[in-house]
Amino acid sequence: MTNDPEADGRIDPRDLLLRTDWNTVEHCCPDVAPETPVILLELLDEDPRVQGLALRTLTETLTRGDVFHTATAPAARYVAAVLGDPRTLAEVVDRAPQEEVDLGPQTPFELRVGLLAWLGDSTVEALRQRSRPYGDAEDLEAFLDLAPELYEAVRPLLDGGSPAAREAALGAVLPLLRLNALADRRAGLRDTVLRAAFGDGPLRLRAVDTLHSWDEDVSAFL
C-alpha cells in the first residue's frame, strides 16, 4: 500500500506549494499584493474574513484585467487541489470595507463556490482569448493545459455539496468540456449539458456554447 497522494489521482496541495519555484513566477502586482503562495495559504486560514480577502486577492492578482500571468497556472493547480478541503465550506465575503459602505452588506457564500467560479470564469476567458491573448500566450496555454487535472478535481462536486456549489461546479466543468483534451469525457455529461441548455438558469448560455463547440445543432436553444 502506498501513501503517495498522487498514486490515486489526488494531489497534495502542500506538495504543490513546495514543488513550485515561486521565485520564477509572479502575478500582476508583486509590489503591492502578497506573494502568490501567501495568498493561497490564506485561502485555508482559520478566519473566514482572511479567506474571503484571499479569494478577492486571488482574482485581482492572478487574472486581473483578464490577463494570465506566470503564477496563474500553478495557483489554479493549488485551487483545484483544495476544492475538497472542508475549510472551503467556510462562509465568506470578498468585498472591501469601502464596498460594504457603498453597496451594503454582502450575503456570505461558500469559499468553495467562489473558487469554482474563478476556475470557470478563467477558463471561459482563456478560451475567448486563445487566438488573441491580452498577455503572454504561454501563460494562457499553461492554464488551459491543466484542463484534465481541473476536471478531475471539479467533477465529483457536481453530485455533492450545496446547490450553490453544484451549480458552480457545473459552471466550471462546462467550459472545460469544450477542450479537445476532454473529448472522451463529453459523452458521460452530455445529458447534464443538455439539461442546462434547455433550462433558464444562469449557465444556459455557457451550456449552449459547449454544445456548439461539439458541432451540435444549437438552433433549438437560440
Protein backbone atom coordinates (compact mmCIF):
# COMPACT_ATOMS: atom_id res chain seq x y z
CA MET A 1 0.00 0.00 0.00
CA THR A 2 1.28 3.49 -0.81
CA ASN A 3 0.79 6.75 0.98
CA ASP A 4 1.58 8.76 -2.13
CA PRO A 5 -1.43 11.09 -2.64
CA GLU A 6 -0.82 11.17 -6.39
CA ALA A 7 -1.00 7.39 -6.69
CA ASP A 8 -4.80 7.53 -6.79
CA GLY A 9 -5.03 10.78 -8.74
CA ARG A 10 -5.07 13.11 -5.76
CA ILE A 11 -2.54 15.90 -5.47
CA ASP A 12 -1.26 17.10 -2.12
CA PRO A 13 -1.68 20.91 -2.14
CA ARG A 14 1.16 21.31 0.36
CA ASP A 15 3.41 19.43 -2.02
CA LEU A 16 2.38 21.76 -4.84
CA LEU A 17 3.45 24.77 -2.81
CA LEU A 18 6.82 23.21 -2.06
CA ARG A 19 7.33 21.89 -5.58
CA THR A 20 6.70 25.20 -7.33
CA ASP A 21 9.57 27.67 -7.59
CA TRP A 22 7.59 30.78 -6.72
CA ASN A 23 10.64 32.95 -7.34
CA THR A 24 10.32 32.30 -11.06
CA VAL A 25 6.60 33.13 -11.41
CA GLU A 26 4.59 36.17 -10.44
CA HIS A 27 1.13 37.69 -10.53
CA CYS A 28 0.19 41.13 -11.81
CA CYS A 29 1.12 43.22 -8.79
CA PRO A 30 4.20 41.95 -6.96
CA ASP A 31 4.89 45.37 -5.46
CA VAL A 32 1.51 45.83 -3.78
CA ALA A 33 -0.01 42.39 -3.15
CA PRO A 34 1.23 39.41 -1.14
CA GLU A 35 3.23 36.74 -2.93
CA THR A 36 1.14 34.02 -4.56
CA PRO A 37 1.88 31.24 -2.02
CA VAL A 38 0.84 33.58 0.80
CA ILE A 39 -2.47 34.22 -0.94
CA LEU A 40 -3.02 30.50 -1.48
CA LEU A 41 -2.25 29.60 2.13
CA GLU A 42 -4.67 32.27 3.35
CA LEU A 43 -7.47 30.60 1.38
CA LEU A 44 -7.40 27.89 4.07
CA ASP A 45 -6.95 30.21 7.04
CA GLU A 46 -9.00 29.58 10.17
CA ASP A 47 -10.54 33.05 9.92
CA PRO A 48 -13.26 33.35 7.23
CA ARG A 49 -12.50 37.05 6.90
CA VAL A 50 -8.95 36.22 5.89
CA GLN A 51 -10.23 33.57 3.49
CA GLY A 52 -12.62 35.99 1.81
CA LEU A 53 -9.96 38.62 1.32
CA ALA A 54 -7.60 35.94 -0.05
CA LEU A 55 -10.23 34.99 -2.63
CA ARG A 56 -10.56 38.62 -3.61
CA THR A 57 -6.78 38.98 -3.89
CA LEU A 58 -6.58 35.76 -5.92
CA THR A 59 -8.99 37.06 -8.55
CA GLU A 60 -7.46 40.52 -8.64
CA THR A 61 -3.84 39.43 -8.99
CA LEU A 62 -3.88 36.17 -10.97
CA THR A 63 -6.38 37.16 -13.68
CA ARG A 64 -6.67 40.91 -13.26
CA GLY A 65 -7.95 42.55 -16.42
CA ASP A 66 -8.42 39.04 -17.85
CA VAL A 67 -4.64 38.73 -18.25
CA PHE A 68 -2.98 35.42 -17.38
CA HIS A 69 0.37 35.51 -15.60
CA THR A 70 3.17 33.04 -14.94
CA ALA A 71 1.71 32.34 -11.49
CA THR A 72 -1.85 31.76 -12.74
CA ALA A 73 -1.45 28.11 -13.75
CA PRO A 74 0.34 26.94 -10.58
CA ALA A 75 -2.21 28.85 -8.49
CA ALA A 76 -5.06 27.15 -10.37
CA ARG A 77 -3.50 23.75 -9.65
CA TYR A 78 -3.48 24.56 -5.95
CA VAL A 79 -7.07 25.80 -6.01
CA ALA A 80 -8.19 22.60 -7.73
CA ALA A 81 -6.30 20.51 -5.19
CA VAL A 82 -8.03 22.13 -2.20
CA LEU A 83 -11.60 22.11 -3.52
CA GLY A 84 -12.43 19.07 -1.41
CA ASP A 85 -10.92 20.54 1.76
CA PRO A 86 -13.59 21.11 4.46
CA ARG A 87 -12.16 24.58 5.05
CA THR A 88 -13.50 25.64 1.65
CA LEU A 89 -17.01 25.26 3.11
CA ALA A 90 -16.45 28.39 5.19
CA GLU A 91 -18.96 31.19 4.60
CA VAL A 92 -17.04 34.23 3.38
CA VAL A 93 -17.48 37.67 1.88
CA ASP A 94 -14.98 39.24 -0.50
CA ARG A 95 -15.95 42.89 -0.59
CA ALA A 96 -13.53 45.54 0.57
CA PRO A 97 -14.68 47.63 3.55
CA GLN A 98 -15.48 50.64 1.37
CA GLU A 99 -17.59 48.47 -0.91
CA GLU A 100 -19.57 47.37 2.13
CA VAL A 101 -20.26 51.04 2.80
CA ASP A 102 -21.18 51.82 -0.82
CA LEU A 103 -23.09 48.64 -1.67
CA GLY A 104 -24.32 47.44 1.69
CA PRO A 105 -23.61 44.15 3.47
CA GLN A 106 -22.72 41.24 1.23
CA THR A 107 -24.51 37.91 1.62
CA PRO A 108 -21.92 35.33 2.69
CA PHE A 109 -21.20 32.46 0.31
CA GLU A 110 -19.15 29.28 0.43
CA LEU A 111 -15.50 29.82 -0.35
CA ARG A 112 -15.73 26.67 -2.50
CA VAL A 113 -18.34 28.41 -4.66
CA GLY A 114 -16.04 31.39 -5.15
CA LEU A 115 -13.08 29.18 -6.06
CA LEU A 116 -15.15 27.20 -8.57
CA ALA A 117 -16.43 30.42 -10.08
CA TRP A 118 -12.87 31.68 -10.51
CA LEU A 119 -11.82 28.49 -12.27
CA GLY A 120 -14.87 28.53 -14.54
CA ASP A 121 -14.68 32.21 -15.42
CA SER A 122 -10.95 31.93 -16.05
CA THR A 123 -11.46 29.00 -18.42
CA VAL A 124 -14.14 30.89 -20.35
CA GLU A 125 -11.87 33.89 -20.66
CA ALA A 126 -8.88 31.79 -21.71
CA LEU A 127 -10.91 30.15 -24.47
CA ARG A 128 -12.16 33.53 -25.64
CA GLN A 129 -8.65 34.93 -25.82
CA ARG A 130 -6.96 31.90 -27.29
CA SER A 131 -6.46 33.39 -30.76
CA ARG A 132 -5.51 36.86 -29.47
CA PRO A 133 -4.43 36.78 -25.83
CA TYR A 134 -4.19 40.01 -23.85
CA GLY A 135 -0.97 38.84 -22.21
CA ASP A 136 1.62 36.17 -22.87
CA ALA A 137 0.11 33.28 -24.84
CA GLU A 138 2.31 30.80 -22.98
CA ASP A 139 0.75 31.77 -19.65
CA LEU A 140 -2.75 31.33 -21.06
CA GLU A 141 -1.92 27.96 -22.61
CA ALA A 142 -0.28 26.80 -19.38
CA PHE A 143 -3.62 27.36 -17.68
CA LEU A 144 -5.61 25.54 -20.38
CA ASP A 145 -3.15 22.63 -20.29
CA LEU A 146 -4.45 21.94 -16.79
CA ALA A 147 -7.91 21.05 -18.15
CA PRO A 148 -7.80 17.30 -17.34
CA GLU A 149 -6.49 17.99 -13.85
CA LEU A 150 -9.07 20.69 -13.19
CA TYR A 151 -11.84 18.45 -14.49
CA GLU A 152 -10.89 15.58 -12.19
CA ALA A 153 -10.97 17.95 -9.22
CA VAL A 154 -14.29 19.57 -10.10
CA ARG A 155 -16.26 16.58 -11.46
CA PRO A 156 -17.06 14.98 -8.05
CA LEU A 157 -18.59 18.25 -6.86
CA LEU A 158 -21.34 18.03 -9.48
CA ASP A 159 -23.05 15.40 -7.37
CA GLY A 160 -22.48 16.56 -3.81
CA GLY A 161 -22.48 19.56 -1.55
CA SER A 162 -24.81 22.53 -1.51
CA PRO A 163 -26.95 23.53 -4.51
CA ALA A 164 -24.78 26.61 -4.96
CA ALA A 165 -21.61 24.50 -5.03
CA ARG A 166 -23.13 22.04 -7.51
CA GLU A 167 -24.11 24.89 -9.82
CA ALA A 168 -20.66 26.47 -9.51
CA ALA A 169 -19.08 23.10 -10.29
CA LEU A 170 -21.19 22.82 -13.44
CA GLY A 171 -20.16 26.34 -14.38
CA ALA A 172 -16.52 25.28 -14.09
CA VAL A 173 -16.96 21.99 -15.97
CA LEU A 174 -18.89 23.36 -18.95
CA PRO A 175 -16.05 25.39 -20.50
CA LEU A 176 -13.53 22.63 -19.74
CA LEU A 177 -15.60 20.24 -21.84
CA ARG A 178 -15.06 22.47 -24.85
CA LEU A 179 -11.40 21.48 -24.93
CA ASN A 180 -10.28 18.58 -27.10
CA ALA A 181 -8.24 17.23 -24.21
CA LEU A 182 -11.54 16.27 -22.54
CA ALA A 183 -13.31 14.90 -25.61
CA ASP A 184 -13.56 11.46 -24.02
CA ARG A 185 -15.47 12.89 -21.03
CA ARG A 186 -18.21 14.54 -23.08
CA ALA A 187 -20.50 11.55 -23.56
CA GLY A 188 -20.84 10.96 -19.83
CA LEU A 189 -22.04 14.51 -19.20
CA ARG A 190 -23.99 15.18 -22.39
CA ASP A 191 -27.38 14.84 -20.66
CA THR A 192 -26.25 17.23 -17.94
CA VAL A 193 -25.14 19.78 -20.52
CA LEU A 194 -28.43 19.40 -22.43
CA ARG A 195 -30.47 19.97 -19.27
CA ALA A 196 -28.55 23.15 -18.57
CA ALA A 197 -29.01 24.31 -22.17
CA PHE A 198 -32.76 23.68 -22.07
CA GLY A 199 -33.12 25.35 -18.67
CA ASP A 200 -33.44 29.01 -17.82
CA GLY A 201 -30.63 29.26 -15.28
CA PRO A 202 -27.56 31.48 -15.44
CA LEU A 203 -25.49 28.71 -17.04
CA ARG A 204 -27.78 28.18 -20.04
CA LEU A 205 -25.65 30.16 -22.49
CA ARG A 206 -22.48 28.54 -21.22
CA ALA A 207 -24.05 25.14 -21.86
CA VAL A 208 -25.15 26.18 -25.36
CA ASP A 209 -21.62 27.33 -26.13
CA THR A 210 -20.33 23.95 -25.01
CA LEU A 211 -22.74 22.08 -27.28
CA HIS A 212 -21.83 24.37 -30.17
CA SER A 213 -18.14 23.60 -29.63
CA TRP A 214 -19.07 19.91 -30.07
CA ASP A 215 -20.51 20.79 -33.51
CA GLU A 216 -24.02 20.05 -32.32
CA ASP A 217 -27.03 21.86 -33.72
CA VAL A 218 -27.97 24.51 -31.15
CA SER A 219 -30.68 26.27 -33.16
CA ALA A 220 -33.33 24.92 -30.77
CA PHE A 221 -31.73 26.86 -27.92
CA LEU A 222 -31.46 30.23 -29.65
